[in-house]
């Protein structure tokens, strides 16, 4: 499973301005809605499900990265977006540091394998310091898409 198979290009936010974890999640879900990837009627339900997941433990995994996610019946395939917050967002991360790179995933409840493969794929790339460094420096949606494409093809970022 490649990043460009589930990251919605039109939903990428290259310069997210968010004062809190909830603001960041709301902005990312809104970008998926605006791109037509999730139904407008389900926007609040998806936000609530992600925030409920965050209560179990922060998806801020350290190194300036967070991967908020949920399963929701309003989607029929795995969809995701990427947001970069140049100023950082307090995500109550495991290492106590602000988050600069966020991947948000929503998947159908009846496709747990896709959900896990998407999370694993993202996590693998986010462990690559070079990938993260280039991603943090990206300023446009096109830059981000190019980095995702290079990651998919195993080329150095």
Protein backbone atom coordinates (compact mmCIF):
# COMPACT_ATOMS: atom_id res chain seq x y z
CA UNK A 1 0.00 0.00 0.00
CA UNK A 2 1.51 3.29 -1.14
CA UNK A 3 1.02 6.68 0.53
CA UNK A 4 -0.32 8.21 -2.68
CA UNK A 5 -3.04 5.53 -2.78
CA UNK A 6 -4.76 6.91 0.33
CA UNK A 7 -3.42 10.42 1.00
CA UNK A 8 -5.92 12.81 -0.61
CA UNK A 9 -3.87 15.36 -2.56
CA UNK A 10 -6.54 18.08 -2.39
CA UNK A 11 -6.79 17.72 1.40
CA UNK A 12 -3.09 18.33 2.18
CA UNK A 13 -2.48 21.40 4.36
CA UNK A 14 1.08 22.72 3.84
CA UNK A 15 0.85 25.49 6.45
CA UNK A 16 -1.59 24.59 9.22
CA UNK A 17 -2.31 27.26 11.81
CA UNK A 18 -3.72 25.54 14.89
CA UNK A 19 -3.72 26.60 18.53
CA UNK A 20 -4.50 23.13 19.88
CA UNK A 21 -4.68 19.44 19.08
CA UNK A 22 -8.45 19.73 18.60
CA UNK A 23 -8.01 22.72 16.22
CA UNK A 24 -5.52 20.71 14.18
CA UNK A 25 -7.81 17.67 14.00
CA UNK A 26 -10.80 19.85 13.06
CA UNK A 27 -8.82 21.54 10.27
CA UNK A 28 -7.61 18.22 8.84
CA UNK A 29 -11.07 16.63 8.90
CA UNK A 30 -12.50 19.81 7.31
CA UNK A 31 -9.90 19.52 4.52
CA UNK A 32 -11.02 15.92 3.86
CA UNK A 33 -14.63 17.14 3.76
CA UNK A 34 -13.75 20.00 1.39
CA UNK A 35 -12.01 17.54 -0.95
CA UNK A 36 -15.15 15.38 -1.07
CA UNK A 37 -13.45 12.47 0.70
CA UNK A 38 -15.84 12.42 3.66
CA UNK A 39 -19.53 13.39 3.75
CA UNK A 40 -20.29 16.80 5.26
CA UNK A 41 -22.95 15.23 7.51
CA UNK A 42 -20.31 13.00 9.12
CA UNK A 43 -17.65 15.66 9.81
CA UNK A 44 -18.51 16.11 13.51
CA UNK A 45 -18.89 12.35 14.07
CA UNK A 46 -15.42 11.73 12.63
CA UNK A 47 -13.91 14.54 14.73
CA UNK A 48 -15.56 13.10 17.85
CA UNK A 49 -14.27 9.61 17.06
CA UNK A 50 -10.70 10.90 16.59
CA UNK A 51 -10.84 12.95 19.80
CA UNK A 52 -12.20 9.89 21.67
CA UNK A 53 -9.25 7.89 20.31
CA UNK A 54 -6.87 10.62 21.55
CA UNK A 55 -8.32 10.23 25.07
CA UNK A 56 -7.00 6.65 25.10
CA UNK A 57 -3.49 7.98 24.50
CA UNK A 58 -1.97 10.65 22.35
CA UNK A 59 -1.16 9.77 18.76
CA UNK A 60 1.72 12.23 19.07
CA UNK A 61 4.41 9.55 18.69
CA UNK A 62 7.45 11.77 19.26
CA UNK A 63 9.99 13.46 17.02
CA UNK A 64 7.47 16.18 16.09
CA UNK A 65 5.03 13.71 14.55
CA UNK A 66 1.39 12.74 15.19
CA UNK A 67 -0.88 10.23 13.45
CA UNK A 68 -4.47 10.82 14.61
CA UNK A 69 -6.80 8.14 13.23
CA UNK A 70 -10.16 6.46 13.53
CA UNK A 71 -12.49 4.00 11.85
CA UNK A 72 -15.81 5.42 10.66
CA UNK A 73 -18.68 3.94 8.59
CA UNK A 74 -18.97 7.09 6.43
CA UNK A 75 -15.94 6.11 4.32
CA UNK A 76 -15.71 3.14 1.99
CA UNK A 77 -11.92 3.20 1.70
CA UNK A 78 -8.92 4.44 3.67
CA UNK A 79 -8.48 8.20 3.30
CA UNK A 80 -5.81 10.40 4.82
CA UNK A 81 -4.40 13.88 4.79
CA UNK A 82 -1.11 15.47 5.78
CA UNK A 83 -0.73 18.77 7.61
CA UNK A 84 2.44 20.67 8.44
CA UNK A 85 2.37 23.11 11.36
CA UNK A 86 5.47 25.30 11.10
CA UNK A 87 4.82 26.74 14.57
CA UNK A 88 4.15 23.37 16.15
CA UNK A 89 1.06 22.08 17.96
CA UNK A 90 0.90 20.74 21.53
CA UNK A 91 -0.36 17.21 20.91
CA UNK A 92 0.43 15.86 24.40
CA UNK A 93 3.08 13.79 22.61
CA UNK A 94 4.89 10.92 24.27
CA UNK A 95 8.13 12.95 24.32
CA UNK A 96 6.42 16.17 25.48
CA UNK A 97 7.51 18.02 22.32
CA UNK A 98 5.31 19.95 19.89
CA UNK A 99 4.15 18.29 16.67
CA UNK A 100 5.02 19.68 13.24
CA UNK A 101 3.97 16.79 10.95
CA UNK A 102 0.48 15.25 11.16
CA UNK A 103 -1.01 12.42 9.13
CA UNK A 104 -4.74 11.93 9.80
CA UNK A 105 -6.39 8.65 8.72
CA UNK A 106 -10.02 7.59 8.49
CA UNK A 107 -10.88 4.05 7.44
CA UNK A 108 -14.01 1.91 7.15
CA UNK A 109 -14.65 -0.27 10.23
CA UNK A 110 -14.94 -3.39 8.06
CA UNK A 111 -11.40 -2.97 6.63
CA UNK A 112 -9.09 -3.26 9.69
CA UNK A 113 -6.27 -4.61 7.53
CA UNK A 114 -6.21 -1.45 5.42
CA UNK A 115 -6.21 0.68 8.58
CA UNK A 116 -3.23 -1.19 10.01
CA UNK A 117 -1.33 -1.19 6.69
CA UNK A 118 -1.89 2.56 6.34
CA UNK A 119 -0.65 3.23 9.88
CA UNK A 120 2.34 0.93 9.39
CA UNK A 121 3.28 2.58 6.10
CA UNK A 122 3.08 6.07 7.56
CA UNK A 123 4.96 5.05 10.72
CA UNK A 124 7.75 3.44 8.69
CA UNK A 125 8.32 6.64 6.69
CA UNK A 126 8.04 8.85 9.76
CA UNK A 127 10.88 6.92 11.43
CA UNK A 128 13.11 8.13 8.57
CA UNK A 129 14.75 11.33 9.83
CA UNK A 130 15.62 12.45 6.29
CA UNK A 131 12.00 12.08 5.14
CA UNK A 132 10.77 14.05 8.17
CA UNK A 133 13.40 16.74 7.69
CA UNK A 134 12.42 17.27 4.05
CA UNK A 135 8.72 17.14 4.93
CA UNK A 136 9.14 19.85 7.60
CA UNK A 137 10.82 22.06 4.97
CA UNK A 138 8.06 21.57 2.38
CA UNK A 139 6.06 24.73 1.72
CA UNK A 140 3.54 23.68 -0.93
CA UNK A 141 1.10 20.85 -1.52
CA UNK A 142 3.16 19.92 -4.59
CA UNK A 143 6.35 19.64 -2.47
CA UNK A 144 4.56 17.32 -0.06
CA UNK A 145 3.11 15.17 -2.86
CA UNK A 146 6.55 14.86 -4.44
CA UNK A 147 8.05 13.69 -1.12
CA UNK A 148 5.24 11.16 -0.65
CA UNK A 149 5.79 9.88 -4.18
CA UNK A 150 9.55 9.55 -3.60
CA UNK A 151 8.87 7.70 -0.33
CA UNK A 152 6.50 5.34 -2.18
CA UNK A 153 9.19 4.54 -4.72
CA UNK A 154 11.96 4.08 -2.18
CA UNK A 155 14.02 6.95 -3.53
CA UNK A 156 15.94 9.18 -1.16
CA UNK A 157 13.95 12.28 -0.30
